[in-house]
Amino acid sequence: MTLELAAGLLIVGALWALQGWRGKRVGDHPFCRRCGFDLFGLPAGSTACSECGADVQQRKAVQIGHRVRRTGRLTLGLALLIPAGLYLGMMAYGAWNPAAMLRQAPAWWLAWQVDSASRHTRHATLDELSRRMAAGTLGQANVNRVAGLILEAQGNAKRTWDPAWGDFMERAGSLKLLKRDDWKRYARQATEGTLWLKVRPMIHPGDALPLELGNKTARQASQTRLWLHGTVVGVHLDQATVANAMPPALGGIAGSIGWITQEIPPAWLARLEQGPHRLTLTLKIDVTQGAVPAAALIVSYQTELDASFVVVSANTPTVTPITDSSLRQAVKRSLMVLGFDHGPSRMNIQISANQTPVDLAYELWVRTDKQQWKLGGVSFPKGAKNFSAGFQDGHSIPSRFDVILKPSAAVAESTVDLTSYWNHEIIFRNVAVEDGGPLPPGASWPATRPISQATTRPRPEKRPW
C-alpha cells in the first residue's frame, strides 16, 4: 500500500462513515427538532411540543421527517477508515522513529513490506527480518512467507531485482532455515538464463571456430556465495553431435565469471559445407555454496546455448584492413606498454588500451640490441576502455627494450568480434623496465603465456580443446 492510496482510503472511509452515522431523512411527519417527538396530530392552535414544551413556532424548531442511520455505509466506511488510519499512523511513527517502529512491528507487517516499492523501506525491513532470523525469533512460518515473496520476484523477469532480497535468501540458506525446494529454486533462478555464447560470424573452410562462453549478472545476493560450475557435455553442429564430453568450461562466483575464450578445432568442422551453420553447446551446471563443488551442492541442471556462423569460400575476406595512416597518433596515444622485472629471466610485459579509435589486431614482438622474438597476439576492439593484455616472458631483457606491434589478419580472425583491423605497424622504443618484485612461491613460469585481458570484462581463460 502506498501513502497516496492510504490517504485516499482514509478520506473516502471518513466521508462514508460520516454519511452512515448521520443517516438519511425518511417520512413526512413533522418532528420536534429538540426532542425528536412526532408532532403529527398536534391540536390546532397549539404552539408547544407536547413532549418537551419547546415553542414549535420558532424558526427551525420543526423538521420534516427523521433520520435513520445507514449501517451498511457506516460499516463500509469504518472498514476503510480504520486500516488506512492504522497504516498512516504506523508510517508517521516510522518516520519519527524508524528503528523502534521496525523492532516493534509484527512479522506479518514486515513480510508485507518486503515487496515495497520504496527501496529504503525494503532494505530496512529486510535488515530487521535478518536480525530476527539470526536471533531465532522470526519463526519458520515467517521465513517461508518471506522466501516465497522473494522467489516470486526473482522468477519474474519483468521485475527489477534487488540484491537485498538475495542477501536475505542466502543468509537463510546458510542458517539452514530455507526449505530444500526453496533453496534449490533460488539457486537455479539466480543462475539459469545468465549464460551466453558468442562465436565468430564468418570463418573459412579449414579454420577453427573461435568462441566465447560466459555469464552475465545474476539475480542473486550483493555479495553472493553461490558458485557456478559448468561442464560442456555435448557439442552439436547443425544438430549433429561431434563430441559428448569436454573439459570443464567455466567456474567461479555466479554472475561474475566473465568469459572464457575457446575454439572448436578444424577437425570437427571439416565436413561443413559453405553456408550458414549452428553451434549448440550442452552444459551441465552445478550451483554450490562456496568454491568446492562436492562440498555444498545446491542444485544441478542442464542448459543449452547456441550461436550461428557462416562458412565462406577461401577467397572471401572475413576481416578488412584499414589503411588510414592519419590514425597513427590517435592509435599510439590509446596504447601504453609497461615492462616489469620479476627476477632473472622473469619478465612481465603489459600493453593496455583506452579509447582506441579503430579495431586493432597485432603480433607483439620484443626487440633488444641483440635479438627480437614474438610473444603472441593481442587485439582491442574500437572504443576499448581500460583493456589490458599481459605476457610473461622467460628471456633475459635489459633495462630498456622496444616493443613492435605488427598488424595481423590472423590475430583478428582468431577473435569472435573483429571484422577489421588497422594495417599499420606501431613501435614503442626504449620501454623502461620497472621492478615487479619476486613471483609468488611455487608460481609456474611458461616461456610465453597471456596472463590477462580486458579489465572492463572479467578475465578470460584460454583452454584448448
Protein backbone atom coordinates (compact mmCIF):
# COMPACT_ATOMS: atom_id res chain seq x y z
CA MET A 1 0.00 0.00 0.00
CA THR A 2 1.30 3.45 -0.90
CA LEU A 3 0.85 6.61 1.17
CA GLU A 4 -1.30 8.11 -1.59
CA LEU A 5 -3.61 5.09 -1.60
CA ALA A 6 -3.84 5.04 2.19
CA ALA A 7 -4.67 8.76 2.31
CA GLY A 8 -7.35 8.29 -0.35
CA LEU A 9 -8.92 5.37 1.54
CA LEU A 10 -8.84 7.40 4.76
CA ILE A 11 -10.74 10.28 3.18
CA VAL A 12 -13.30 8.06 1.45
CA GLY A 13 -13.77 5.98 4.60
CA ALA A 14 -14.27 9.06 6.76
CA LEU A 15 -16.89 10.51 4.37
CA TRP A 16 -18.79 7.24 4.17
CA ALA A 17 -18.68 6.72 7.93
CA LEU A 18 -19.99 10.27 8.48
CA GLN A 19 -22.79 9.75 5.98
CA GLY A 20 -23.70 6.43 7.58
CA TRP A 21 -23.71 7.90 11.09
CA ARG A 22 -25.82 10.92 10.10
CA GLY A 23 -28.23 8.72 8.17
CA LYS A 24 -30.89 9.70 5.73
CA ARG A 25 -34.19 11.53 6.26
CA VAL A 26 -37.35 9.38 5.99
CA GLY A 27 -41.10 10.09 6.39
CA ASP A 28 -43.12 13.34 6.02
CA HIS A 29 -44.31 13.88 9.60
CA PRO A 30 -43.24 17.00 11.46
CA PHE A 31 -40.84 16.33 14.34
CA CYS A 32 -39.65 18.48 17.19
CA ARG A 33 -36.06 19.30 16.45
CA ARG A 34 -35.23 19.48 20.17
CA CYS A 35 -36.50 16.09 21.36
CA GLY A 36 -37.50 14.30 18.17
CA PHE A 37 -41.17 13.95 19.17
CA ASP A 38 -43.59 13.28 16.32
CA LEU A 39 -45.82 16.35 16.09
CA PHE A 40 -48.27 14.71 13.71
CA GLY A 41 -51.82 15.26 15.08
CA LEU A 42 -50.85 18.25 17.26
CA PRO A 43 -54.10 20.08 18.22
CA ALA A 44 -54.87 23.14 16.10
CA GLY A 45 -53.64 26.34 17.69
CA SER A 46 -51.07 24.55 19.88
CA THR A 47 -47.65 26.26 19.77
CA ALA A 48 -45.69 23.98 22.12
CA CYS A 49 -44.28 20.45 21.80
CA SER A 50 -46.34 18.05 23.83
CA GLU A 51 -43.18 16.22 24.94
CA CYS A 52 -40.66 18.89 25.86
CA GLY A 53 -42.67 22.12 25.69
CA ALA A 54 -40.44 23.72 23.06
CA ASP A 55 -42.00 26.56 21.06
CA VAL A 56 -42.68 24.99 17.70
CA GLN A 57 -43.42 28.37 16.14
CA GLN A 58 -39.75 29.31 16.29
CA ARG A 59 -37.66 29.16 13.10
CA LYS A 60 -36.15 25.67 12.54
CA ALA A 61 -37.96 24.30 15.61
CA VAL A 62 -39.65 21.68 13.45
CA GLN A 63 -38.11 19.30 10.93
CA ILE A 64 -39.94 17.22 8.39
CA GLY A 65 -39.17 13.51 8.64
CA HIS A 66 -36.49 11.89 10.86
CA ARG A 67 -33.02 10.49 10.22
CA VAL A 68 -32.20 6.76 10.19
CA ARG A 69 -28.59 5.66 10.39
CA ARG A 70 -27.25 3.84 7.30
CA THR A 71 -25.48 0.92 8.94
CA GLY A 72 -24.17 -0.53 5.68
CA ARG A 73 -22.38 2.65 4.65
CA LEU A 74 -21.22 3.23 8.21
CA THR A 75 -19.71 -0.28 8.37
CA LEU A 76 -18.02 0.04 4.97
CA GLY A 77 -16.66 3.46 5.87
CA LEU A 78 -15.17 2.15 9.11
CA ALA A 79 -13.72 -0.84 7.23
CA LEU A 80 -11.77 1.60 5.04
CA LEU A 81 -11.07 4.20 7.69
CA ILE A 82 -9.56 2.01 10.40
CA PRO A 83 -6.90 0.11 8.34
CA ALA A 84 -5.91 3.25 6.44
CA GLY A 85 -5.66 5.20 9.68
CA LEU A 86 -3.54 2.48 11.28
CA TYR A 87 -1.26 2.35 8.22
CA LEU A 88 -0.77 6.12 8.15
CA GLY A 89 -0.23 6.16 11.89
CA MET A 90 2.44 3.50 11.64
CA MET A 91 4.07 5.34 8.76
CA ALA A 92 4.10 8.56 10.76
CA TYR A 93 5.58 6.74 13.75
CA GLY A 94 8.09 5.06 11.50
CA ALA A 95 9.15 8.40 10.03
CA TRP A 96 9.61 9.80 13.53
CA ASN A 97 11.39 6.73 14.96
CA PRO A 98 12.01 4.18 12.18
CA ALA A 99 14.26 1.83 14.14
CA ALA A 100 11.82 1.50 17.02
CA MET A 101 8.90 1.05 14.65
CA LEU A 102 10.59 -1.84 12.82
CA ARG A 103 11.65 -3.51 16.08
CA GLN A 104 8.07 -3.41 17.34
CA ALA A 105 6.33 -4.24 14.06
CA PRO A 106 4.76 -7.70 13.81
CA ALA A 107 6.37 -10.17 11.44
CA TRP A 108 3.35 -10.24 9.12
CA TRP A 109 3.70 -6.47 8.68
CA LEU A 110 7.40 -6.78 7.86
CA ALA A 111 6.69 -9.55 5.35
CA TRP A 112 4.22 -7.20 3.67
CA GLN A 113 6.92 -4.52 3.34
CA VAL A 114 9.47 -6.87 1.73
CA ASP A 115 7.90 -6.13 -1.65
CA SER A 116 7.57 -2.37 -1.04
CA ALA A 117 8.09 -0.01 -3.98
CA SER A 118 10.41 2.04 -1.74
CA ARG A 119 13.99 0.78 -1.84
CA HIS A 120 14.71 2.31 1.58
CA THR A 121 11.69 0.58 3.13
CA ARG A 122 12.63 -2.76 1.58
CA HIS A 123 16.20 -2.63 2.84
CA ALA A 124 15.28 -1.52 6.36
CA THR A 125 12.63 -4.25 6.55
CA LEU A 126 14.96 -6.96 5.27
CA ASP A 127 17.63 -5.89 7.75
CA GLU A 128 15.16 -6.27 10.62
CA LEU A 129 13.94 -9.63 9.32
CA SER A 130 17.54 -10.82 9.04
CA ARG A 131 18.24 -9.65 12.60
CA ARG A 132 15.26 -11.59 13.93
CA MET A 133 16.18 -14.61 11.84
CA ALA A 134 19.74 -14.66 13.19
CA ALA A 135 18.39 -14.27 16.74
CA GLY A 136 15.98 -17.16 16.21
CA THR A 137 12.86 -15.06 16.85
CA LEU A 138 11.45 -14.81 13.33
CA GLY A 139 9.83 -18.22 13.17
CA GLN A 140 9.93 -20.78 10.38
CA ALA A 141 6.49 -19.83 9.03
CA ASN A 142 7.58 -16.23 8.55
CA VAL A 143 10.86 -17.29 6.91
CA ASN A 144 8.85 -19.38 4.47
CA ARG A 145 6.43 -16.50 3.80
CA VAL A 146 9.24 -14.00 3.06
CA ALA A 147 11.14 -16.54 0.95
CA GLY A 148 8.03 -17.18 -1.13
CA LEU A 149 7.61 -13.47 -1.87
CA ILE A 150 11.27 -13.12 -2.85
CA LEU A 151 11.20 -16.21 -5.08
CA GLU A 152 8.18 -14.85 -6.93
CA ALA A 153 10.00 -11.56 -7.57
CA GLN A 154 13.18 -13.39 -8.61
CA GLY A 155 11.31 -15.56 -11.08
CA ASN A 156 9.58 -12.60 -12.73
CA ALA A 157 12.00 -11.32 -15.39
CA LYS A 158 9.98 -8.11 -15.68
CA ARG A 159 10.71 -7.19 -12.06
CA THR A 160 13.84 -5.18 -11.27
CA TRP A 161 15.91 -7.38 -8.99
CA ASP A 162 17.06 -6.03 -5.62
CA PRO A 163 20.23 -7.78 -4.36
CA ALA A 164 18.98 -7.20 -0.79
CA TRP A 165 16.39 -9.93 -1.48
CA GLY A 166 19.25 -12.26 -2.35
CA ASP A 167 21.09 -11.26 0.83
CA PHE A 168 18.12 -12.44 2.91
CA MET A 169 17.80 -15.70 0.96
CA GLU A 170 21.47 -16.57 1.27
CA ARG A 171 21.51 -15.75 4.99
CA ALA A 172 18.52 -18.03 5.44
CA GLY A 173 20.21 -20.69 3.34
CA SER A 174 23.43 -20.52 5.36
CA LEU A 175 21.38 -20.86 8.58
CA LYS A 176 19.59 -23.86 7.02
CA LEU A 177 16.21 -22.19 7.50
CA LEU A 178 15.09 -22.38 3.87
CA LYS A 179 13.06 -25.31 2.70
CA ARG A 180 15.17 -27.51 0.44
CA ASP A 181 12.96 -26.85 -2.56
CA ASP A 182 13.09 -23.07 -1.97
CA TRP A 183 16.90 -23.13 -1.69
CA LYS A 184 17.19 -25.09 -4.95
CA ARG A 185 14.71 -22.82 -6.69
CA TYR A 186 16.62 -19.72 -5.58
CA ALA A 187 19.97 -21.08 -6.81
CA ARG A 188 18.56 -22.14 -10.16
CA GLN A 189 16.64 -18.90 -10.77
CA ALA A 190 19.77 -16.94 -9.81
CA THR A 191 21.90 -18.59 -12.49
CA GLU A 192 19.66 -20.02 -15.20
CA GLY A 193 19.46 -17.79 -18.24
CA THR A 194 22.61 -15.85 -17.35
CA LEU A 195 24.98 -17.82 -19.60
CA TRP A 196 25.83 -16.61 -23.08
CA LEU A 197 27.68 -17.98 -26.10
CA LYS A 198 29.28 -15.93 -28.85
CA VAL A 199 31.11 -17.24 -31.96
CA ARG A 200 32.91 -15.64 -34.86
CA PRO A 201 30.25 -14.86 -37.50
CA MET A 202 32.31 -15.94 -40.55
CA ILE A 203 35.12 -18.46 -40.97
CA HIS A 204 36.97 -20.07 -43.89
CA PRO A 205 36.99 -23.82 -44.61
CA GLY A 206 39.69 -25.47 -42.51
CA ASP A 207 39.69 -22.71 -39.87
CA ALA A 208 38.96 -23.19 -36.18
CA LEU A 209 35.81 -21.54 -34.83
CA PRO A 210 36.64 -19.03 -32.08
CA LEU A 211 34.03 -18.76 -29.35
CA GLU A 212 33.49 -17.02 -26.04
CA LEU A 213 31.43 -18.51 -23.22
CA GLY A 214 30.48 -16.66 -20.08
CA ASN A 215 27.71 -15.36 -17.86
CA LYS A 216 26.11 -12.03 -17.16
CA THR A 217 24.92 -10.55 -13.88
CA ALA A 218 22.74 -12.97 -11.94
CA ARG A 219 19.66 -12.34 -9.76
CA GLN A 220 21.45 -13.07 -6.51
CA ALA A 221 22.85 -11.50 -3.33
CA SER A 222 25.07 -8.43 -3.34
CA GLN A 223 28.00 -10.50 -2.02
CA THR A 224 26.86 -13.90 -3.19
CA ARG A 225 28.44 -17.16 -2.08
CA LEU A 226 26.86 -19.04 -4.96
CA TRP A 227 29.42 -20.64 -7.27
CA LEU A 228 28.55 -21.81 -10.74
CA HIS A 229 30.47 -24.75 -12.21
CA GLY A 230 29.77 -25.53 -15.85
CA THR A 231 30.91 -28.57 -17.83
CA VAL A 232 30.36 -28.99 -21.56
CA VAL A 233 28.73 -32.39 -22.01
CA GLY A 234 27.77 -32.07 -25.64
CA VAL A 235 28.89 -30.20 -28.75
CA HIS A 236 26.49 -30.19 -31.70
CA LEU A 237 26.87 -28.74 -35.18
CA ASP A 238 23.58 -28.40 -37.07
CA GLN A 239 22.05 -30.84 -34.54
CA ALA A 240 24.70 -33.47 -35.25
CA THR A 241 26.76 -34.45 -32.19
CA VAL A 242 30.51 -34.02 -32.68
CA ALA A 243 31.59 -34.54 -29.06
CA ASN A 244 29.98 -35.93 -25.91
CA ALA A 245 32.43 -34.73 -23.29
CA MET A 246 34.70 -31.76 -22.83
CA PRO A 247 36.94 -30.40 -20.08
CA PRO A 248 35.31 -28.09 -17.51
CA ALA A 249 34.22 -24.95 -19.30
CA LEU A 250 33.79 -22.36 -16.61
CA GLY A 251 33.65 -21.87 -12.88
CA GLY A 252 33.54 -19.05 -10.39
CA ILE A 253 31.24 -16.78 -8.43
CA ALA A 254 27.86 -16.68 -10.15
CA GLY A 255 27.30 -13.51 -12.12
CA SER A 256 30.97 -12.51 -12.30
CA ILE A 257 32.71 -15.33 -14.15
CA GLY A 258 33.03 -13.22 -17.27
CA TRP A 259 34.01 -15.10 -20.40
CA ILE A 260 36.25 -17.93 -21.48
CA THR A 261 37.92 -17.91 -24.88
CA GLN A 262 37.85 -21.29 -26.61
CA GLU A 263 37.78 -22.61 -30.15
CA ILE A 264 36.19 -25.51 -31.98
CA PRO A 265 39.09 -27.33 -33.69
CA PRO A 266 39.15 -27.52 -37.51
CA ALA A 267 38.80 -31.32 -37.47
CA TRP A 268 35.29 -31.02 -36.06
CA LEU A 269 34.35 -28.55 -38.79
CA ALA A 270 35.86 -30.43 -41.73
CA ARG A 271 32.57 -31.76 -43.09
CA LEU A 272 30.74 -28.44 -43.02
CA GLU A 273 29.80 -27.05 -46.40
CA GLN A 274 29.81 -23.38 -47.26
CA GLY A 275 26.78 -21.57 -45.88
CA PRO A 276 25.07 -20.94 -42.52
CA HIS A 277 25.53 -23.33 -39.60
CA ARG A 278 24.60 -23.51 -35.95
CA LEU A 279 26.73 -24.48 -32.96
CA THR A 280 24.96 -25.79 -29.84
CA LEU A 281 26.70 -26.48 -26.54
CA THR A 282 25.02 -28.57 -23.84
CA LEU A 283 26.29 -27.68 -20.40
CA LYS A 284 25.80 -29.38 -17.05
CA ILE A 285 25.56 -26.68 -14.40
CA ASP A 286 26.29 -27.28 -10.72
CA VAL A 287 25.48 -24.44 -8.32
CA THR A 288 27.24 -24.72 -4.97
CA GLN A 289 27.54 -22.71 -1.81
CA GLY A 290 31.23 -21.97 -1.88
CA ALA A 291 34.01 -22.86 -4.26
CA VAL A 292 34.26 -26.63 -3.75
CA PRO A 293 31.72 -28.42 -5.96
CA ALA A 294 31.39 -31.55 -3.82
CA ALA A 295 31.13 -29.66 -0.52
CA ALA A 296 27.77 -27.93 -0.71
CA LEU A 297 25.94 -28.75 -3.92
CA ILE A 298 22.61 -26.90 -4.07
CA VAL A 299 21.21 -27.78 -7.49
CA SER A 300 22.28 -29.31 -10.81
CA TYR A 301 20.66 -28.82 -14.19
CA GLN A 302 21.45 -28.87 -17.90
CA THR A 303 21.10 -25.99 -20.32
CA GLU A 304 21.81 -25.38 -24.00
CA LEU A 305 23.47 -22.40 -25.63
CA ASP A 306 23.59 -21.86 -29.38
CA ALA A 307 25.05 -19.41 -31.89
CA SER A 308 25.09 -19.11 -35.66
CA PHE A 309 28.02 -18.71 -38.04
CA VAL A 310 28.71 -18.92 -41.78
CA VAL A 311 31.42 -20.84 -43.62
CA VAL A 312 32.54 -18.74 -46.59
CA SER A 313 34.83 -19.52 -49.50
CA ALA A 314 38.58 -19.26 -49.03
CA ASN A 315 38.79 -16.14 -51.22
CA THR A 316 36.07 -14.27 -49.28
CA PRO A 317 37.68 -11.91 -46.74
CA THR A 318 36.45 -12.14 -43.16
CA VAL A 319 38.47 -9.14 -41.96
CA THR A 320 39.11 -5.85 -43.71
CA PRO A 321 42.42 -3.98 -43.35
CA ILE A 322 42.10 -0.26 -42.61
CA THR A 323 44.90 1.73 -44.22
CA ASP A 324 44.13 5.24 -42.95
CA SER A 325 47.59 6.40 -41.80
CA SER A 326 46.17 9.59 -40.25
CA LEU A 327 45.05 7.47 -37.29
CA ARG A 328 48.65 6.75 -36.24
CA GLN A 329 48.92 9.35 -33.47
CA ALA A 330 45.45 8.56 -32.08
CA VAL A 331 46.26 4.84 -32.05
CA LYS A 332 49.60 5.35 -30.33
CA ARG A 333 48.03 7.66 -27.71
CA SER A 334 45.44 4.98 -26.92
CA LEU A 335 48.11 2.35 -26.17
CA MET A 336 50.61 2.01 -23.34
CA VAL A 337 53.35 -0.59 -22.82
CA LEU A 338 54.97 -1.45 -19.48
CA GLY A 339 57.68 -3.92 -18.52
CA PHE A 340 58.11 -5.46 -15.05
CA ASP A 341 61.17 -7.35 -13.84
CA HIS A 342 60.41 -10.32 -11.54
CA GLY A 343 63.97 -11.59 -11.29
CA PRO A 344 66.37 -13.38 -13.65
CA SER A 345 64.61 -14.37 -16.89
CA ARG A 346 61.24 -13.38 -15.44
CA MET A 347 59.75 -10.51 -17.39
CA ASN A 348 56.11 -9.40 -17.48
CA ILE A 349 55.19 -7.15 -20.43
CA GLN A 350 51.80 -5.47 -20.35
CA ILE A 351 50.02 -3.49 -23.04
CA SER A 352 46.86 -1.55 -22.25
CA ALA A 353 44.39 0.30 -24.45
CA ASN A 354 41.90 3.06 -23.76
CA GLN A 355 39.54 4.69 -26.28
CA THR A 356 41.07 3.03 -29.30
CA PRO A 357 39.97 4.89 -32.46
CA VAL A 358 39.84 1.73 -34.61
CA ASP A 359 39.90 -2.08 -34.29
CA LEU A 360 43.44 -3.28 -33.55
CA ALA A 361 44.96 -6.73 -34.06
CA TYR A 362 48.71 -7.24 -33.66
CA GLU A 363 51.52 -9.70 -33.28
CA LEU A 364 53.54 -8.47 -30.29
CA TRP A 365 57.32 -8.60 -30.77
CA VAL A 366 60.12 -7.67 -28.35
CA ARG A 367 63.41 -6.29 -29.70
CA THR A 368 66.71 -5.72 -27.91
CA ASP A 369 70.11 -4.75 -29.27
CA LYS A 370 70.97 -8.41 -29.87
CA GLN A 371 67.74 -10.17 -30.80
CA GLN A 372 63.99 -9.99 -31.31
CA TRP A 373 61.22 -12.54 -30.71
CA LYS A 374 57.47 -12.89 -30.91
CA LEU A 375 55.43 -13.04 -27.69
CA GLY A 376 51.94 -13.63 -29.08
CA GLY A 377 48.88 -11.89 -30.43
CA VAL A 378 46.87 -9.07 -28.93
CA SER A 379 43.68 -7.39 -30.09
CA PHE A 380 41.49 -4.50 -28.96
CA PRO A 381 38.07 -3.51 -30.36
CA LYS A 382 37.32 0.05 -31.39
CA GLY A 383 36.44 2.20 -28.39
CA ALA A 384 38.07 -0.19 -25.92
CA LYS A 385 38.10 1.26 -22.41
CA ASN A 386 40.70 0.14 -19.89
CA PHE A 387 41.56 -3.02 -21.81
CA SER A 388 44.88 -4.69 -21.00
CA ALA A 389 46.82 -7.77 -22.03
CA GLY A 390 49.90 -9.21 -20.38
CA PHE A 391 52.62 -11.64 -21.42
CA GLN A 392 55.13 -13.43 -19.24
CA ASP A 393 58.44 -13.95 -20.93
CA GLY A 394 61.43 -16.10 -19.97
CA HIS A 395 64.08 -14.12 -21.85
CA SER A 396 66.70 -12.01 -20.11
CA ILE A 397 65.84 -8.43 -21.06
CA PRO A 398 67.97 -5.33 -20.42
CA SER A 399 66.66 -2.27 -18.58
CA ARG A 400 65.18 -0.93 -21.82
CA PHE A 401 63.76 -2.63 -24.92
CA ASP A 402 61.50 -1.98 -27.92
CA VAL A 403 58.00 -3.38 -28.42
CA ILE A 404 56.86 -3.82 -32.03
CA LEU A 405 53.18 -4.24 -32.83
CA LYS A 406 52.79 -5.82 -36.25
CA PRO A 407 49.26 -5.78 -37.74
CA SER A 408 47.89 -9.28 -38.23
CA ALA A 409 44.81 -10.52 -40.06
CA ALA A 410 45.28 -13.91 -38.38
CA VAL A 411 45.01 -12.38 -34.91
CA ALA A 412 41.83 -10.54 -35.93
CA GLU A 413 40.39 -13.78 -37.33
CA SER A 414 41.08 -15.54 -34.00
CA THR A 415 38.63 -13.24 -32.20
CA VAL A 416 34.85 -13.50 -32.11
CA ASP A 417 34.11 -9.88 -32.96
CA LEU A 418 36.83 -8.14 -35.01
CA THR A 419 35.92 -7.82 -38.69
CA SER A 420 38.57 -5.17 -39.43
CA TYR A 421 42.00 -4.10 -38.18
CA TRP A 422 44.28 -1.10 -38.61
CA ASN A 423 47.02 -2.20 -41.01
CA HIS A 424 49.98 -0.15 -39.78
CA GLU A 425 52.88 -1.06 -37.53
CA ILE A 426 53.46 0.67 -34.18
CA ILE A 427 56.81 0.71 -32.39
CA PHE A 428 57.33 1.67 -28.74
CA ARG A 429 61.01 2.44 -28.32
CA ASN A 430 63.08 2.27 -25.15
CA VAL A 431 60.38 0.84 -22.89
CA ALA A 432 61.68 1.07 -19.32
CA VAL A 433 61.64 -2.00 -17.09
CA GLU A 434 60.18 -1.49 -13.61
CA ASP A 435 60.80 -3.66 -10.56
CA GLY A 436 57.84 -6.03 -10.29
CA GLY A 437 59.06 -7.91 -7.23
CA PRO A 438 59.55 -11.67 -6.97
CA LEU A 439 56.93 -14.12 -8.20
CA PRO A 440 54.75 -15.82 -5.57
CA PRO A 441 56.28 -19.04 -4.19
CA GLY A 442 55.56 -22.03 -6.38
CA ALA A 443 54.34 -19.95 -9.34
CA SER A 444 54.94 -21.67 -12.68
CA TRP A 445 56.67 -19.80 -15.48
CA PRO A 446 55.93 -20.80 -19.07
CA ALA A 447 58.15 -19.27 -21.72
CA THR A 448 55.29 -17.26 -23.24
CA ARG A 449 51.76 -17.05 -21.85
CA PRO A 450 49.00 -14.42 -21.98
CA ILE A 451 48.07 -13.73 -18.35
CA SER A 452 45.20 -11.26 -18.59
CA GLN A 453 42.94 -9.38 -20.91
CA ALA A 454 40.13 -6.84 -20.79
CA THR A 455 39.76 -5.29 -17.36
CA THR A 456 36.34 -3.90 -18.23
CA ARG A 457 35.19 -7.50 -18.64
CA PRO A 458 36.19 -10.34 -16.30
CA ARG A 459 39.40 -12.12 -17.21
CA PRO A 460 39.09 -14.74 -19.97
CA GLU A 461 40.85 -18.06 -19.87
CA LYS A 462 42.27 -19.80 -22.91
CA ARG A 463 41.59 -23.53 -22.72
CA PRO A 464 42.35 -25.53 -25.90
CA TRP A 465 40.06 -28.45 -26.55
